[in-house]
Amino acid sequence: METAWITKSFRKEDVSPDWWVVDAAGKTVGRLASQVAAIIRGKHKPWFTPHVDTGDFVIILNADKVELKGKRIEQKEYFRHSQYPGRGKFTSFKEYMEKHPEKIMEMAVNGMLPKNRLGRKMKTKLKVYTGTEHPHGAQQPKTLEIK
């Protein structure tokens, strides 16, 4: 008789999340965001379960030193709407870098996560800071090298 393979479906109680620190200095926004989103989602683990939050926490440092390639620095714009007709607002990449550089990475990663209850829970696992210091030393985060 053949041995039947059993697929294990993990529960949230079975998962213990790790903490990772990523240095964003000199990294491209989209490439960094896609790799961080995969870690927050838990796709790097062998027990990834799509309907369970199996991901890890990620701390991004030096968010003010991320880069865009080519003409994207002048061309990139972020759109938001006030829900009134004709009241859309565009904000340039340069403006965000001056006022809220951490929001650039938050928006990039959030755009790559699921758009449902689980995705909103996963968004809380991202911590973005502009300097090299963070208040999460008690969690003993490990350094993550992103290419």
Protein backbone atom coordinates (compact mmCIF):
# COMPACT_ATOMS: atom_id res chain seq x y z
CA MET A 1 0.00 0.00 0.00
CA GLU A 2 1.28 3.44 -0.91
CA THR A 3 1.80 6.13 1.68
CA ALA A 4 -0.60 9.01 1.24
CA TRP A 5 0.89 12.49 1.37
CA ILE A 6 -0.92 14.72 3.78
CA THR A 7 -0.90 18.47 3.24
CA LYS A 8 -0.65 20.35 6.50
CA SER A 9 -2.72 23.52 6.77
CA PHE A 10 -1.29 25.79 9.45
CA ARG A 11 -3.36 27.81 11.91
CA LYS A 12 -2.41 31.17 13.37
CA GLU A 13 -1.67 29.42 16.68
CA ASP A 14 0.95 27.23 14.96
CA VAL A 15 2.97 30.18 13.67
CA SER A 16 5.54 32.18 15.62
CA PRO A 17 6.63 35.24 13.61
CA ASP A 18 10.24 36.36 13.37
CA TRP A 19 11.48 39.96 13.22
CA TRP A 20 13.73 41.17 10.38
CA VAL A 21 15.64 44.42 9.86
CA VAL A 22 16.24 45.71 6.32
CA ASP A 23 18.50 48.61 5.40
CA ALA A 24 16.87 50.50 2.51
CA ALA A 25 19.82 52.80 1.76
CA GLY A 26 20.61 52.68 -1.95
CA LYS A 27 17.85 50.17 -2.76
CA THR A 28 15.20 50.61 -5.46
CA VAL A 29 11.69 51.16 -4.06
CA GLY A 30 9.81 48.51 -6.06
CA ARG A 31 12.38 45.74 -5.77
CA LEU A 32 12.70 46.24 -2.03
CA ALA A 33 8.92 46.45 -1.57
CA SER A 34 8.23 43.22 -3.47
CA GLN A 35 10.71 41.24 -1.38
CA VAL A 36 9.48 42.76 1.90
CA ALA A 37 5.85 42.06 0.94
CA ALA A 38 6.70 38.39 0.35
CA ILE A 39 8.25 38.15 3.82
CA ILE A 40 5.29 39.89 5.49
CA ARG A 41 2.94 37.55 3.64
CA GLY A 42 4.98 34.48 4.69
CA LYS A 43 5.75 33.19 1.20
CA HIS A 44 9.38 32.47 2.14
CA LYS A 45 8.32 29.76 4.60
CA PRO A 46 7.61 26.16 3.63
CA TRP A 47 4.35 26.18 5.61
CA PHE A 48 2.85 29.16 3.75
CA THR A 49 -0.95 29.01 3.95
CA PRO A 50 -2.79 31.62 1.85
CA HIS A 51 -5.71 32.17 4.25
CA VAL A 52 -3.57 32.44 7.42
CA ASP A 53 -1.17 35.20 8.44
CA THR A 54 2.05 33.15 8.49
CA GLY A 55 4.38 36.08 7.78
CA ASP A 56 7.07 37.84 9.76
CA PHE A 57 7.53 41.40 11.01
CA VAL A 58 9.83 43.65 8.95
CA ILE A 59 11.59 46.83 10.10
CA ILE A 60 12.82 49.07 7.28
CA LEU A 61 15.56 51.54 8.20
CA ASN A 62 16.88 54.50 6.18
CA ALA A 63 13.62 54.90 4.26
CA ASP A 64 14.73 58.40 3.27
CA LYS A 65 17.60 56.94 1.21
CA VAL A 66 15.61 54.77 -1.21
CA GLU A 67 16.06 55.38 -4.92
CA LEU A 68 14.20 55.35 -8.18
CA LYS A 69 15.96 54.68 -11.47
CA GLY A 70 16.12 56.99 -14.47
CA LYS A 71 13.50 59.71 -14.93
CA ARG A 72 11.13 58.15 -12.39
CA ILE A 73 12.19 60.68 -9.73
CA GLU A 74 10.63 63.50 -11.78
CA GLN A 75 7.76 61.47 -13.28
CA LYS A 76 6.44 59.43 -10.34
CA GLU A 77 3.22 60.79 -8.83
CA TYR A 78 0.95 59.49 -6.09
CA PHE A 79 -2.83 59.97 -6.43
CA ARG A 80 -5.40 60.32 -3.69
CA HIS A 81 -9.06 61.25 -3.87
CA SER A 82 -11.28 63.15 -1.45
CA GLN A 83 -14.43 61.26 -2.62
CA TYR A 84 -15.85 64.51 -4.04
CA PRO A 85 -16.18 64.72 -7.83
CA GLY A 86 -13.18 66.37 -9.45
CA ARG A 87 -11.19 66.57 -6.22
CA GLY A 88 -8.30 64.24 -6.94
CA LYS A 89 -4.85 65.33 -5.77
CA PHE A 90 -1.48 64.37 -7.17
CA THR A 91 1.67 64.49 -5.05
CA SER A 92 5.11 64.06 -6.58
CA PHE A 93 7.77 61.63 -5.39
CA LYS A 94 10.02 64.54 -4.45
CA GLU A 95 7.35 66.07 -2.19
CA TYR A 96 6.89 62.77 -0.35
CA MET A 97 10.65 62.40 0.06
CA GLU A 98 10.82 65.85 1.67
CA LYS A 99 7.79 65.56 3.96
CA HIS A 100 7.06 61.85 4.60
CA PRO A 101 9.80 59.56 3.22
CA GLU A 102 8.56 56.58 5.25
CA LYS A 103 5.15 56.72 3.50
CA ILE A 104 6.75 55.85 0.16
CA MET A 105 7.81 52.41 1.39
CA GLU A 106 4.54 51.89 3.27
CA MET A 107 2.46 52.58 0.15
CA ALA A 108 4.69 50.41 -2.04
CA VAL A 109 4.50 47.40 0.29
CA ASN A 110 0.79 47.86 1.06
CA GLY A 111 0.02 47.85 -2.65
CA MET A 112 1.54 44.35 -2.89
CA LEU A 113 -0.45 42.83 -0.02
CA PRO A 114 -3.98 41.36 -0.28
CA LYS A 115 -6.88 43.82 -0.28
CA ASN A 116 -8.98 42.16 2.44
CA ARG A 117 -9.13 41.70 6.23
CA LEU A 118 -6.03 39.55 6.22
CA GLY A 119 -4.13 42.15 4.21
CA ARG A 120 -5.07 44.89 6.66
CA LYS A 121 -3.72 42.75 9.50
CA MET A 122 -0.51 42.12 7.56
CA LYS A 123 0.02 45.86 7.09
CA THR A 124 0.61 46.20 10.83
CA LYS A 125 3.68 43.96 10.51
CA LEU A 126 5.61 46.65 8.60
CA LYS A 127 7.57 49.22 10.60
CA VAL A 128 9.32 51.97 8.61
CA TYR A 129 11.84 54.49 10.01
CA THR A 130 13.90 57.21 8.37
CA GLY A 131 17.04 56.85 10.48
CA THR A 132 19.14 53.92 11.59
CA GLU A 133 17.49 53.61 15.02
CA HIS A 134 14.33 51.69 15.87
CA PRO A 135 12.49 50.95 19.14
CA HIS A 136 12.14 47.19 18.52
CA GLY A 137 15.38 45.98 20.09
CA ALA A 138 13.52 43.79 22.61
CA GLN A 139 12.26 41.58 19.77
CA GLN A 140 15.86 40.77 18.78
CA PRO A 141 15.40 41.28 15.02
CA LYS A 142 17.73 39.54 12.57
CA THR A 143 19.40 41.36 9.69
CA LEU A 144 18.01 40.55 6.27
CA GLU A 145 20.16 41.16 3.20
CA ILE A 146 18.12 42.12 0.15
CA LYS A 147 19.81 42.19 -3.22
